[in-house]
Each structure stands twice: as structure tokens, then as C-alpha cells.
């Protein structure tokens, strides 16, 4: 069964002024749509047809560039839309907040670590907050459309929060000011959704 482009859970302009409507239209409707189409094409004859996207990523032949790039692009963006919300911002609470404090010392220290991972990722890529079995959380970054579910990327565990630092994610609004975009991102993080993912995967 072919993968389908997930619908956005909010209107294109719902995250303004932090993420502008035109960027959302292009990012979701063109970029994510392209990854979805190309993923379905890359799966043909791969032996992975019918598997979940997580299974495709876990069992990835990292030398298969078309499958690697497009499976990653499909999964990463599907998560990205979910963990943002017009009612986002603030701080996590409950078990996720405790896990962040245990790993980083404080929420502000986590923000600094995550922001640095995103800001210092050279070229295109992502920064992640991942949860390991047992509930420990960790920050890492990956190049291009790679993610921690793939073999040998680092971090490991399951991504529960990610920020896209490809220029297509922010250039219309922020130009080369990636740190400003990263700072604005925290105003739209849907911590309820991140907490839900934490509970499901710890």
C-alpha cells in the first residue's frame, strides 16, 4: 500500500508569525509531497513494499540513496508537522519534564543543547530529541534527511521532537538567520504531543 502525504493538522497560516504561511504551503505541498511520491517509487522492487515507515527506516540499506533520502524525508516531515501547534510553546510537564531535567539539568539547558545542535548542523539536516527504552532522552543531529531510526546515524532511540534546518524550512522568512528561526520554533512546539510520543516510546 502506497504512502500518502499526511494532511496538516492546522491551516497554513496557523503558526504565524513564527512560521509563515507561504513557507508552510511550499514545505508541505511541494517538498513533503515530493518525498512521498519519490518514496513510493523507490520502494518498488526493494522488498520493503507494505512495511511501515519505521520498518523501512530500521532496515534501510544506507547505500540506497533514493530510498534513504525519501523515506527519511517522508518520516521526518510527518513528525515535524505533528510536534508543532498554534497553541504551542511553554514547557513540557510530567514525566517528560523529569526526563529532560535528568539528562540536561534544566529545561533551559536542554533548549541550549538542542538549539546548538540545530545551529551547528552544517548544511542541511535536522536536530532531534530522542527517547531510549527506559526513558532516557538525548539530543543529536543528522545530515540531510537521515534520522536516528536509521542504522548507524547516532543518538539511536526514537525521535520525539525534531527541527528541520534545511533552508527551505525557514529561508523565506528568516533568510540566513537560522538561530532566529530556531528560537522562534520553541514558540510553536506542541509539548503535549511530544509528551505523548515520549510515553509511547520510553
N, C-alpha and C. Protein backbone atom coordinates (compact mmCIF):
# COMPACT_ATOMS: atom_id res chain seq x y z
N UNK A 1 0.83 -1.18 0.00
CA UNK A 1 0.00 0.00 0.00
C UNK A 1 0.88 1.25 0.00
N UNK A 2 0.60 2.15 -0.90
CA UNK A 2 1.44 3.34 -1.06
C UNK A 2 1.28 4.29 0.13
N UNK A 3 2.37 4.98 0.45
CA UNK A 3 2.32 6.02 1.47
C UNK A 3 1.60 7.25 0.89
N UNK A 4 0.90 7.97 1.76
CA UNK A 4 0.17 9.17 1.34
C UNK A 4 0.66 10.37 2.13
N UNK A 5 0.64 11.52 1.49
CA UNK A 5 1.02 12.76 2.16
C UNK A 5 0.03 13.02 3.30
N UNK A 6 0.51 13.12 4.55
CA UNK A 6 -0.42 13.41 5.64
C UNK A 6 -0.94 14.84 5.55
N UNK A 7 -2.17 15.02 5.97
CA UNK A 7 -2.74 16.38 6.00
C UNK A 7 -2.12 17.17 7.15
N UNK A 8 -1.97 18.46 6.94
CA UNK A 8 -1.52 19.32 8.04
C UNK A 8 -2.61 19.36 9.11
N UNK A 9 -2.24 19.33 10.38
CA UNK A 9 -3.25 19.38 11.44
C UNK A 9 -3.72 20.80 11.77
N UNK A 10 -3.37 21.77 10.95
CA UNK A 10 -3.75 23.17 11.15
C UNK A 10 -3.63 23.88 9.81
N UNK A 11 -4.14 25.11 9.74
CA UNK A 11 -4.08 25.89 8.50
C UNK A 11 -2.65 26.33 8.21
N UNK A 12 -2.38 26.64 6.93
CA UNK A 12 -1.03 27.06 6.54
C UNK A 12 -0.54 28.27 7.34
N UNK A 13 -1.47 29.17 7.68
CA UNK A 13 -1.05 30.40 8.36
C UNK A 13 -1.15 30.31 9.88
N UNK A 14 -1.45 29.12 10.40
CA UNK A 14 -1.75 28.98 11.83
C UNK A 14 -0.53 29.21 12.73
N UNK A 15 0.67 29.03 12.19
CA UNK A 15 1.88 29.15 13.02
C UNK A 15 2.54 30.52 12.88
N UNK A 16 1.90 31.42 12.13
CA UNK A 16 2.48 32.76 12.00
C UNK A 16 2.45 33.48 13.36
N UNK A 17 3.40 34.38 13.64
CA UNK A 17 4.47 34.85 12.75
C UNK A 17 5.71 33.98 12.78
N UNK A 18 5.69 32.91 13.54
CA UNK A 18 6.91 32.12 13.74
C UNK A 18 7.28 31.31 12.51
N UNK A 19 6.27 30.72 11.87
CA UNK A 19 6.46 30.03 10.58
C UNK A 19 5.41 30.61 9.63
N UNK A 20 5.86 31.19 8.54
CA UNK A 20 4.93 31.91 7.66
C UNK A 20 4.15 30.97 6.75
N UNK A 21 2.99 31.44 6.31
CA UNK A 21 2.07 30.62 5.52
C UNK A 21 2.68 30.16 4.21
N UNK A 22 3.41 31.04 3.51
CA UNK A 22 3.98 30.66 2.21
C UNK A 22 5.00 29.53 2.37
N UNK A 23 5.82 29.64 3.42
CA UNK A 23 6.78 28.56 3.68
C UNK A 23 6.04 27.25 3.94
N UNK A 24 4.97 27.29 4.72
CA UNK A 24 4.21 26.07 5.01
C UNK A 24 3.62 25.48 3.73
N UNK A 25 3.08 26.33 2.87
CA UNK A 25 2.48 25.85 1.62
C UNK A 25 3.52 25.11 0.77
N UNK A 26 4.69 25.72 0.63
CA UNK A 26 5.75 25.12 -0.20
C UNK A 26 6.34 23.89 0.50
N UNK A 27 6.58 24.01 1.80
CA UNK A 27 7.25 22.95 2.55
C UNK A 27 6.41 21.67 2.56
N UNK A 28 5.13 21.84 2.87
CA UNK A 28 4.23 20.68 2.91
C UNK A 28 3.79 20.26 1.52
N UNK A 29 3.30 21.20 0.74
CA UNK A 29 2.68 20.86 -0.54
C UNK A 29 3.65 20.48 -1.64
N UNK A 30 4.87 21.00 -1.57
CA UNK A 30 5.87 20.69 -2.61
C UNK A 30 6.93 19.72 -2.09
N UNK A 31 7.63 20.13 -1.03
CA UNK A 31 8.76 19.30 -0.55
C UNK A 31 8.28 17.96 0.02
N UNK A 32 7.36 18.00 1.00
CA UNK A 32 6.91 16.75 1.60
C UNK A 32 6.16 15.89 0.57
N UNK A 33 5.39 16.54 -0.27
CA UNK A 33 4.69 15.82 -1.32
C UNK A 33 5.67 15.11 -2.25
N UNK A 34 6.76 15.79 -2.57
CA UNK A 34 7.78 15.19 -3.43
C UNK A 34 8.44 13.99 -2.78
N UNK A 35 8.76 14.11 -1.48
CA UNK A 35 9.36 12.97 -0.77
C UNK A 35 8.39 11.78 -0.77
N UNK A 36 7.11 12.05 -0.62
CA UNK A 36 6.11 10.98 -0.58
C UNK A 36 6.06 10.24 -1.91
N UNK A 37 5.96 10.99 -3.00
CA UNK A 37 5.92 10.39 -4.34
C UNK A 37 7.19 9.59 -4.62
N UNK A 38 8.34 10.19 -4.30
CA UNK A 38 9.61 9.53 -4.60
C UNK A 38 9.87 8.33 -3.70
N UNK A 39 9.34 8.36 -2.48
CA UNK A 39 9.43 7.19 -1.59
C UNK A 39 8.68 6.02 -2.20
N UNK A 40 7.46 6.25 -2.66
CA UNK A 40 6.69 5.17 -3.26
C UNK A 40 7.39 4.59 -4.49
N UNK A 41 8.01 5.44 -5.28
CA UNK A 41 8.75 4.97 -6.45
C UNK A 41 9.98 4.16 -6.02
N UNK A 42 10.68 4.63 -5.00
CA UNK A 42 11.90 3.97 -4.54
C UNK A 42 11.61 2.61 -3.89
N UNK A 43 10.41 2.45 -3.35
CA UNK A 43 10.05 1.18 -2.71
C UNK A 43 9.79 0.06 -3.70
N UNK A 44 9.46 0.42 -4.92
CA UNK A 44 9.13 -0.60 -5.92
C UNK A 44 10.34 -1.50 -6.17
N UNK A 45 10.16 -2.80 -5.93
CA UNK A 45 11.23 -3.77 -6.16
C UNK A 45 12.27 -3.82 -5.06
N UNK A 46 12.04 -3.11 -3.95
CA UNK A 46 13.04 -3.05 -2.87
C UNK A 46 12.88 -4.20 -1.88
N UNK A 47 11.73 -4.90 -1.94
CA UNK A 47 11.44 -5.92 -0.95
C UNK A 47 10.85 -5.35 0.33
N UNK A 48 10.66 -4.04 0.38
CA UNK A 48 10.14 -3.38 1.58
C UNK A 48 8.71 -2.91 1.38
N UNK A 49 8.12 -3.25 0.25
CA UNK A 49 6.75 -2.82 0.00
C UNK A 49 5.82 -3.34 1.10
N UNK A 50 4.90 -2.51 1.55
CA UNK A 50 3.93 -2.93 2.54
C UNK A 50 4.39 -2.81 3.98
N UNK A 51 5.67 -2.48 4.19
CA UNK A 51 6.17 -2.31 5.55
C UNK A 51 5.86 -0.90 6.06
N UNK A 52 5.81 -0.75 7.38
CA UNK A 52 5.62 0.58 7.96
C UNK A 52 6.84 1.43 7.68
N UNK A 53 6.70 2.74 7.76
CA UNK A 53 7.84 3.62 7.51
C UNK A 53 8.95 3.37 8.53
N UNK A 54 8.57 3.02 9.78
CA UNK A 54 9.58 2.73 10.80
C UNK A 54 10.38 1.48 10.44
N UNK A 55 9.70 0.46 9.91
CA UNK A 55 10.39 -0.76 9.49
C UNK A 55 11.32 -0.49 8.32
N UNK A 56 10.86 0.33 7.39
CA UNK A 56 11.69 0.71 6.24
C UNK A 56 12.97 1.39 6.74
N UNK A 57 12.82 2.32 7.69
CA UNK A 57 13.98 3.06 8.19
C UNK A 57 14.93 2.16 8.97
N UNK A 58 14.39 1.30 9.84
CA UNK A 58 15.24 0.42 10.66
C UNK A 58 16.06 -0.53 9.82
N UNK A 59 15.48 -0.98 8.71
CA UNK A 59 16.12 -1.99 7.88
C UNK A 59 16.71 -1.40 6.60
N UNK A 60 17.02 -0.12 6.64
CA UNK A 60 17.48 0.62 5.49
C UNK A 60 18.85 0.13 4.99
N UNK A 61 18.97 -0.07 3.68
CA UNK A 61 20.27 -0.19 3.03
C UNK A 61 20.77 1.24 2.82
N UNK A 62 21.73 1.65 3.63
CA UNK A 62 22.16 3.05 3.61
C UNK A 62 22.86 3.44 2.31
N UNK A 63 23.16 2.46 1.46
CA UNK A 63 23.73 2.76 0.14
C UNK A 63 22.66 3.02 -0.91
N UNK A 64 21.40 2.79 -0.55
CA UNK A 64 20.29 3.05 -1.47
C UNK A 64 19.86 4.51 -1.28
N UNK A 65 20.50 5.41 -2.03
CA UNK A 65 20.30 6.83 -1.82
C UNK A 65 18.86 7.28 -1.99
N UNK A 66 18.19 6.76 -3.02
CA UNK A 66 16.81 7.20 -3.28
C UNK A 66 15.89 6.82 -2.14
N UNK A 67 16.03 5.59 -1.64
CA UNK A 67 15.17 5.14 -0.54
C UNK A 67 15.54 5.86 0.75
N UNK A 68 16.84 5.98 1.00
CA UNK A 68 17.31 6.65 2.23
C UNK A 68 16.80 8.09 2.31
N UNK A 69 16.99 8.84 1.24
CA UNK A 69 16.62 10.26 1.25
C UNK A 69 15.10 10.46 1.35
N UNK A 70 14.35 9.67 0.61
CA UNK A 70 12.91 9.90 0.53
C UNK A 70 12.14 9.27 1.68
N UNK A 71 12.58 8.12 2.18
CA UNK A 71 11.96 7.56 3.38
C UNK A 71 12.22 8.48 4.57
N UNK A 72 13.45 8.98 4.68
CA UNK A 72 13.77 9.92 5.74
C UNK A 72 12.95 11.19 5.61
N UNK A 73 12.88 11.73 4.39
CA UNK A 73 12.12 12.95 4.17
C UNK A 73 10.64 12.79 4.51
N UNK A 74 10.09 11.64 4.16
CA UNK A 74 8.67 11.38 4.46
C UNK A 74 8.44 11.30 5.97
N UNK A 75 9.26 10.51 6.66
CA UNK A 75 9.08 10.32 8.11
C UNK A 75 9.35 11.61 8.88
N UNK A 76 10.47 12.27 8.55
CA UNK A 76 10.89 13.45 9.31
C UNK A 76 9.83 14.55 9.25
N UNK A 77 9.30 14.79 8.06
CA UNK A 77 8.30 15.85 7.92
C UNK A 77 6.97 15.46 8.56
N UNK A 78 6.61 14.18 8.48
CA UNK A 78 5.37 13.73 9.12
C UNK A 78 5.41 14.01 10.62
N UNK A 79 6.58 13.77 11.23
CA UNK A 79 6.76 14.07 12.65
C UNK A 79 6.76 15.57 12.90
N UNK A 80 7.43 16.31 12.03
CA UNK A 80 7.60 17.77 12.20
C UNK A 80 6.26 18.48 12.30
N UNK A 81 5.32 18.16 11.39
CA UNK A 81 4.01 18.83 11.44
C UNK A 81 3.28 18.51 12.74
N UNK A 82 3.43 17.28 13.22
CA UNK A 82 2.71 16.85 14.43
C UNK A 82 3.19 17.55 15.69
N UNK A 83 4.49 17.86 15.76
CA UNK A 83 5.03 18.38 17.02
C UNK A 83 5.02 19.91 17.04
N UNK A 84 4.30 20.51 16.09
CA UNK A 84 4.07 21.95 16.15
C UNK A 84 2.56 22.21 16.27
N UNK A 85 2.22 23.35 16.87
CA UNK A 85 0.82 23.69 17.08
C UNK A 85 0.68 25.20 17.25
N UNK A 86 -0.45 25.76 16.79
CA UNK A 86 -0.71 27.18 17.05
C UNK A 86 -0.81 27.49 18.54
N UNK A 87 -1.11 26.47 19.33
CA UNK A 87 -1.22 26.65 20.79
C UNK A 87 0.03 26.15 21.51
N UNK A 88 1.13 26.08 20.77
CA UNK A 88 2.36 25.52 21.33
C UNK A 88 3.13 26.53 22.17
N UNK A 89 4.36 26.14 22.47
CA UNK A 89 5.22 26.97 23.31
C UNK A 89 5.19 26.52 24.75
N UNK A 90 5.76 27.31 25.61
CA UNK A 90 5.81 26.96 27.02
C UNK A 90 6.84 25.88 27.29
N UNK A 91 6.54 25.03 28.26
CA UNK A 91 7.47 23.99 28.69
C UNK A 91 6.74 22.66 28.80
N UNK A 92 7.48 21.54 28.71
CA UNK A 92 6.86 20.25 28.97
C UNK A 92 6.58 20.09 30.46
N UNK A 93 5.74 19.13 30.78
CA UNK A 93 5.44 18.84 32.18
C UNK A 93 5.50 17.33 32.40
N UNK A 94 5.30 16.92 33.63
CA UNK A 94 5.20 15.50 33.95
C UNK A 94 6.48 14.72 33.69
N UNK A 95 6.31 13.49 33.23
CA UNK A 95 7.45 12.58 33.08
C UNK A 95 8.47 13.08 32.06
N UNK A 96 8.01 13.72 31.00
CA UNK A 96 8.95 14.25 30.01
C UNK A 96 9.81 15.35 30.62
N UNK A 97 9.19 16.25 31.37
CA UNK A 97 9.96 17.31 32.04
C UNK A 97 11.00 16.70 32.97
N UNK A 98 10.62 15.66 33.70
CA UNK A 98 11.56 14.99 34.61
C UNK A 98 12.72 14.38 33.84
N UNK A 99 12.42 13.75 32.69
CA UNK A 99 13.47 13.11 31.88
C UNK A 99 14.43 14.15 31.31
N UNK A 100 13.89 15.29 30.89
CA UNK A 100 14.73 16.37 30.36
C UNK A 100 15.64 16.92 31.45
N UNK A 101 15.09 17.12 32.64
CA UNK A 101 15.91 17.60 33.75
C UNK A 101 16.99 16.59 34.13
N UNK A 102 16.64 15.31 34.09
CA UNK A 102 17.61 14.27 34.45
C UNK A 102 18.79 14.24 33.47
N UNK A 103 18.51 14.48 32.19
CA UNK A 103 19.57 14.40 31.18
C UNK A 103 20.34 15.71 30.99
N UNK A 104 19.65 16.84 31.17
CA UNK A 104 20.27 18.12 30.82
C UNK A 104 20.43 19.08 32.00
N UNK A 105 19.81 18.79 33.13
CA UNK A 105 19.92 19.65 34.29
C UNK A 105 18.74 20.58 34.45
N UNK A 106 18.26 21.14 33.33
CA UNK A 106 17.10 22.03 33.36
C UNK A 106 16.53 22.14 31.96
N UNK A 107 15.32 22.67 31.86
CA UNK A 107 14.72 22.87 30.55
C UNK A 107 15.53 23.88 29.74
N UNK A 108 16.01 24.94 30.38
CA UNK A 108 16.81 25.94 29.66
C UNK A 108 18.11 25.34 29.12
N UNK A 109 18.72 24.45 29.90
CA UNK A 109 19.94 23.78 29.42
C UNK A 109 19.62 22.86 28.24
N UNK A 110 18.47 22.19 28.30
CA UNK A 110 18.04 21.39 27.15
C UNK A 110 17.88 22.27 25.91
N UNK A 111 17.18 23.42 26.08
CA UNK A 111 16.97 24.33 24.95
C UNK A 111 18.30 24.76 24.34
N UNK A 112 19.26 25.05 25.19
CA UNK A 112 20.59 25.46 24.70
C UNK A 112 21.25 24.33 23.91
N UNK A 113 21.17 23.11 24.44
CA UNK A 113 21.79 21.95 23.78
C UNK A 113 21.11 21.67 22.45
N UNK A 114 19.80 21.68 22.44
CA UNK A 114 19.03 21.42 21.22
C UNK A 114 19.28 22.51 20.19
N UNK A 115 19.25 23.76 20.62
CA UNK A 115 19.46 24.88 19.70
C UNK A 115 20.87 24.85 19.10
N UNK A 116 21.85 24.49 19.91
CA UNK A 116 23.22 24.39 19.41
C UNK A 116 23.35 23.27 18.38
N UNK A 117 22.70 22.13 18.66
CA UNK A 117 22.74 21.01 17.71
C UNK A 117 22.13 21.43 16.37
N UNK A 118 21.05 22.22 16.43
CA UNK A 118 20.39 22.68 15.21
C UNK A 118 21.21 23.75 14.49
N UNK A 119 21.78 24.67 15.26
CA UNK A 119 22.52 25.79 14.66
C UNK A 119 23.85 25.36 14.07
N UNK A 120 24.48 24.34 14.65
CA UNK A 120 25.81 23.93 14.20
C UNK A 120 25.78 22.78 13.21
N UNK A 121 24.60 22.28 12.85
CA UNK A 121 24.49 21.25 11.80
C UNK A 121 24.87 21.93 10.48
N UNK A 122 26.00 21.57 9.92
CA UNK A 122 26.49 22.23 8.71
C UNK A 122 25.64 21.81 7.52
N UNK A 123 25.22 22.79 6.73
CA UNK A 123 24.39 22.49 5.57
C UNK A 123 22.99 22.08 6.00
N UNK A 124 22.43 21.13 5.29
CA UNK A 124 21.05 20.71 5.53
C UNK A 124 20.99 19.56 6.53
N UNK A 125 19.90 19.52 7.31
CA UNK A 125 19.74 18.42 8.25
C UNK A 125 18.68 18.71 9.29
N UNK A 126 18.77 17.98 10.39
CA UNK A 126 17.79 18.04 11.47
C UNK A 126 18.49 17.96 12.82
N UNK A 127 17.86 18.51 13.84
CA UNK A 127 18.24 18.25 15.23
C UNK A 127 17.08 17.51 15.89
N UNK A 128 17.42 16.62 16.82
CA UNK A 128 16.44 15.71 17.39
C UNK A 128 16.52 15.65 18.91
N UNK A 129 15.38 15.43 19.54
CA UNK A 129 15.31 14.91 20.90
C UNK A 129 14.77 13.50 20.78
N UNK A 130 15.55 12.54 21.26
CA UNK A 130 15.18 11.12 21.15
C UNK A 130 14.98 10.52 22.54
N UNK A 131 14.14 9.51 22.60
CA UNK A 131 13.96 8.77 23.85
C UNK A 131 14.42 7.33 23.64
N UNK A 132 15.14 6.82 24.62
CA UNK A 132 15.60 5.43 24.60
C UNK A 132 14.67 4.58 25.47
N UNK A 133 14.70 3.28 25.25
CA UNK A 133 13.96 2.37 26.12
C UNK A 133 14.42 2.60 27.55
N UNK A 134 13.48 2.77 28.46
CA UNK A 134 13.81 3.11 29.84
C UNK A 134 13.57 4.57 30.16
N UNK A 135 13.43 5.41 29.11
CA UNK A 135 13.01 6.79 29.33
C UNK A 135 14.11 7.84 29.31
N UNK A 136 15.38 7.43 29.05
CA UNK A 136 16.44 8.44 28.96
C UNK A 136 16.30 9.20 27.64
N UNK A 137 16.48 10.53 27.69
CA UNK A 137 16.39 11.35 26.48
C UNK A 137 17.77 11.89 26.12
N UNK A 138 17.93 12.16 24.82
CA UNK A 138 19.22 12.57 24.29
C UNK A 138 18.98 13.49 23.08
N UNK A 139 19.89 14.43 22.88
CA UNK A 139 19.86 15.31 21.71
C UNK A 139 20.96 14.93 20.75
N UNK A 140 20.64 14.93 19.46
CA UNK A 140 21.67 14.76 18.43
C UNK A 140 21.19 15.45 17.16
N UNK A 141 22.02 15.44 16.14
CA UNK A 141 21.60 15.96 14.84
C UNK A 141 22.02 14.99 13.75
N UNK A 142 21.39 15.14 12.59
CA UNK A 142 21.71 14.26 11.46
C UNK A 142 21.71 15.09 10.18
N UNK A 143 22.44 14.61 9.21
CA UNK A 143 22.57 15.32 7.94
C UNK A 143 21.40 15.00 7.00
N UNK A 144 21.11 15.94 6.13
CA UNK A 144 20.14 15.73 5.05
C UNK A 144 18.81 15.23 5.60
N UNK A 145 18.30 14.09 5.10
CA UNK A 145 17.04 13.55 5.63
C UNK A 145 17.26 12.30 6.47
N UNK A 146 18.47 12.10 6.95
CA UNK A 146 18.73 10.99 7.87
C UNK A 146 18.02 11.24 9.20
N UNK A 147 17.78 10.16 9.94
CA UNK A 147 17.22 10.29 11.29
C UNK A 147 17.71 9.15 12.17
N UNK A 148 17.53 9.26 13.48
CA UNK A 148 18.12 8.30 14.41
C UNK A 148 17.57 6.87 14.31
N UNK A 149 16.46 6.67 13.61
CA UNK A 149 15.95 5.31 13.46
C UNK A 149 16.81 4.52 12.47
N UNK A 150 17.46 5.20 11.55
CA UNK A 150 18.29 4.53 10.54
C UNK A 150 19.55 3.94 11.18
N UNK A 151 20.11 2.90 10.57
CA UNK A 151 21.32 2.28 11.13
C UNK A 151 22.51 3.24 11.12
N UNK A 152 23.20 3.31 12.26
CA UNK A 152 24.49 3.99 12.30
C UNK A 152 24.47 5.50 12.27
N UNK A 153 23.32 6.12 12.51
CA UNK A 153 23.23 7.58 12.43
C UNK A 153 23.67 8.24 13.74
N UNK A 154 23.59 7.51 14.83
CA UNK A 154 23.92 8.11 16.12
C UNK A 154 22.65 8.44 16.86
N UNK A 155 22.78 8.73 18.15
CA UNK A 155 21.63 9.02 19.01
C UNK A 155 20.86 7.74 19.28
N UNK A 156 20.31 7.13 18.23
CA UNK A 156 19.51 5.95 18.46
C UNK A 156 18.21 6.34 19.15
N UNK A 157 17.50 5.36 19.64
CA UNK A 157 16.23 5.68 20.26
C UNK A 157 15.23 6.15 19.22
N UNK A 158 14.14 6.73 19.70
CA UNK A 158 13.05 7.17 18.83
C UNK A 158 12.93 8.69 18.88
N UNK A 159 12.92 9.36 17.74
CA UNK A 159 12.74 10.81 17.74
C UNK A 159 11.35 11.19 18.25
N UNK A 160 11.31 12.14 19.19
CA UNK A 160 10.02 12.64 19.68
C UNK A 160 9.87 14.14 19.43
N UNK A 161 10.97 14.79 19.04
CA UNK A 161 10.96 16.21 18.68
C UNK A 161 12.05 16.41 17.65
N UNK A 162 11.73 17.12 16.59
CA UNK A 162 12.74 17.40 15.57
C UNK A 162 12.53 18.77 14.97
N UNK A 163 13.62 19.40 14.57
CA UNK A 163 13.54 20.67 13.85
C UNK A 163 14.28 20.54 12.53
N UNK A 164 13.61 20.96 11.48
CA UNK A 164 14.15 20.94 10.13
C UNK A 164 15.02 22.17 9.94
N UNK A 165 16.32 21.98 9.67
CA UNK A 165 17.19 23.13 9.43
C UNK A 165 17.67 23.17 7.97
N UNK A 166 16.94 22.50 7.08
CA UNK A 166 17.13 22.77 5.66
C UNK A 166 16.68 24.22 5.41
N UNK A 167 17.34 24.88 4.47
CA UNK A 167 16.97 26.28 4.21
C UNK A 167 15.52 26.41 3.75
N UNK A 168 14.97 25.38 3.09
CA UNK A 168 13.58 25.51 2.62
C UNK A 168 12.60 25.64 3.79
N UNK A 169 13.04 25.28 5.00
CA UNK A 169 12.16 25.36 6.17
C UNK A 169 12.02 26.78 6.71
N UNK A 170 12.96 27.65 6.34
CA UNK A 170 12.95 28.97 7.00
C UNK A 170 13.40 30.14 6.14
N UNK A 171 13.92 29.90 4.93
CA UNK A 171 14.64 30.97 4.24
C UNK A 171 13.75 32.14 3.81
N UNK A 172 12.50 31.87 3.45
CA UNK A 172 11.62 32.96 3.01
C UNK A 172 11.43 34.00 4.11
N UNK A 173 11.35 33.54 5.33
CA UNK A 173 11.07 34.43 6.46
C UNK A 173 12.33 34.90 7.18
N UNK A 174 13.33 34.01 7.28
CA UNK A 174 14.49 34.30 8.12
C UNK A 174 15.79 34.47 7.33
N UNK A 175 15.78 34.21 6.03
CA UNK A 175 16.99 34.25 5.21
C UNK A 175 18.10 33.42 5.87
N UNK A 176 19.25 34.02 6.12
CA UNK A 176 20.36 33.24 6.68
C UNK A 176 20.38 33.25 8.20
N UNK A 177 19.31 33.73 8.83
CA UNK A 177 19.28 33.85 10.29
C UNK A 177 18.73 32.58 10.93
N UNK A 178 19.44 31.49 10.75
CA UNK A 178 18.97 30.21 11.30
C UNK A 178 18.73 30.28 12.81
N UNK A 179 19.61 30.92 13.60
CA UNK A 179 19.34 30.97 15.05
C UNK A 179 18.02 31.64 15.40
N UNK A 180 17.59 32.64 14.62
CA UNK A 180 16.30 33.29 14.89
C UNK A 180 15.15 32.32 14.64
N UNK A 181 15.26 31.53 13.59
CA UNK A 181 14.25 30.51 13.28
C UNK A 181 14.19 29.46 14.39
N UNK A 182 15.34 29.03 14.87
CA UNK A 182 15.39 28.01 15.93
C UNK A 182 14.73 28.55 17.20
N UNK A 183 15.03 29.80 17.52
CA UNK A 183 14.42 30.42 18.70
C UNK A 183 12.91 30.52 18.55
N UNK A 184 12.44 30.91 17.36
CA UNK A 184 11.00 31.03 17.10
C UNK A 184 10.30 29.68 17.18
N UNK A 185 10.99 28.62 16.79
CA UNK A 185 10.42 27.27 16.79
C UNK A 185 9.86 26.90 18.16
N UNK A 186 10.54 27.32 19.22
CA UNK A 186 10.10 26.96 20.56
C UNK A 186 8.75 27.58 20.93
N UNK A 187 8.33 28.59 20.17
CA UNK A 187 7.01 29.19 20.41
C UNK A 187 5.87 28.35 19.84
N UNK A 188 6.18 27.36 19.02
CA UNK A 188 5.12 26.54 18.41
C UNK A 188 5.25 25.06 18.74
N UNK A 189 6.22 24.68 19.59
CA UNK A 189 6.36 23.27 19.95
C UNK A 189 5.12 22.80 20.71
N UNK A 190 4.56 21.70 20.27
CA UNK A 190 3.38 21.09 20.90
C UNK A 190 3.87 20.07 21.94
N UNK A 191 4.11 20.56 23.15
CA UNK A 191 4.69 19.69 24.18
C UNK A 191 3.75 18.56 24.59
N UNK A 192 2.44 18.75 24.43
CA UNK A 192 1.51 17.65 24.72
C UNK A 192 1.77 16.48 23.77
N UNK A 193 1.99 16.78 22.49
CA UNK A 193 2.27 15.72 21.52
C UNK A 193 3.63 15.08 21.77
N UNK A 194 4.63 15.91 22.11
CA UNK A 194 5.96 15.36 22.40
C UNK A 194 5.89 14.45 23.62
N UNK A 195 5.12 14.84 24.62
CA UNK A 195 4.95 14.01 25.82
C UNK A 195 4.26 12.69 25.48
N UNK A 196 3.27 12.77 24.61
CA UNK A 196 2.57 11.55 24.17
C UNK A 196 3.54 10.60 23.48
N UNK A 197 4.38 11.12 22.61
CA UNK A 197 5.39 10.29 21.93
C UNK A 197 6.41 9.72 22.91
N UNK A 198 6.77 10.52 23.90
CA UNK A 198 7.69 10.05 24.94
C UNK A 198 7.10 8.85 25.68
N UNK A 199 5.83 8.96 26.07
CA UNK A 199 5.18 7.86 26.80
C UNK A 199 5.05 6.61 25.95
N UNK A 200 4.82 6.78 24.64
CA UNK A 200 4.65 5.63 23.76
C UNK A 200 5.95 4.89 23.50
N UNK A 201 7.08 5.58 23.61
CA UNK A 201 8.35 5.01 23.14
C UNK A 201 9.40 4.81 24.22
N UNK A 202 9.08 5.20 25.46
CA UNK A 202 10.10 5.08 26.52
C UNK A 202 10.26 3.64 26.99
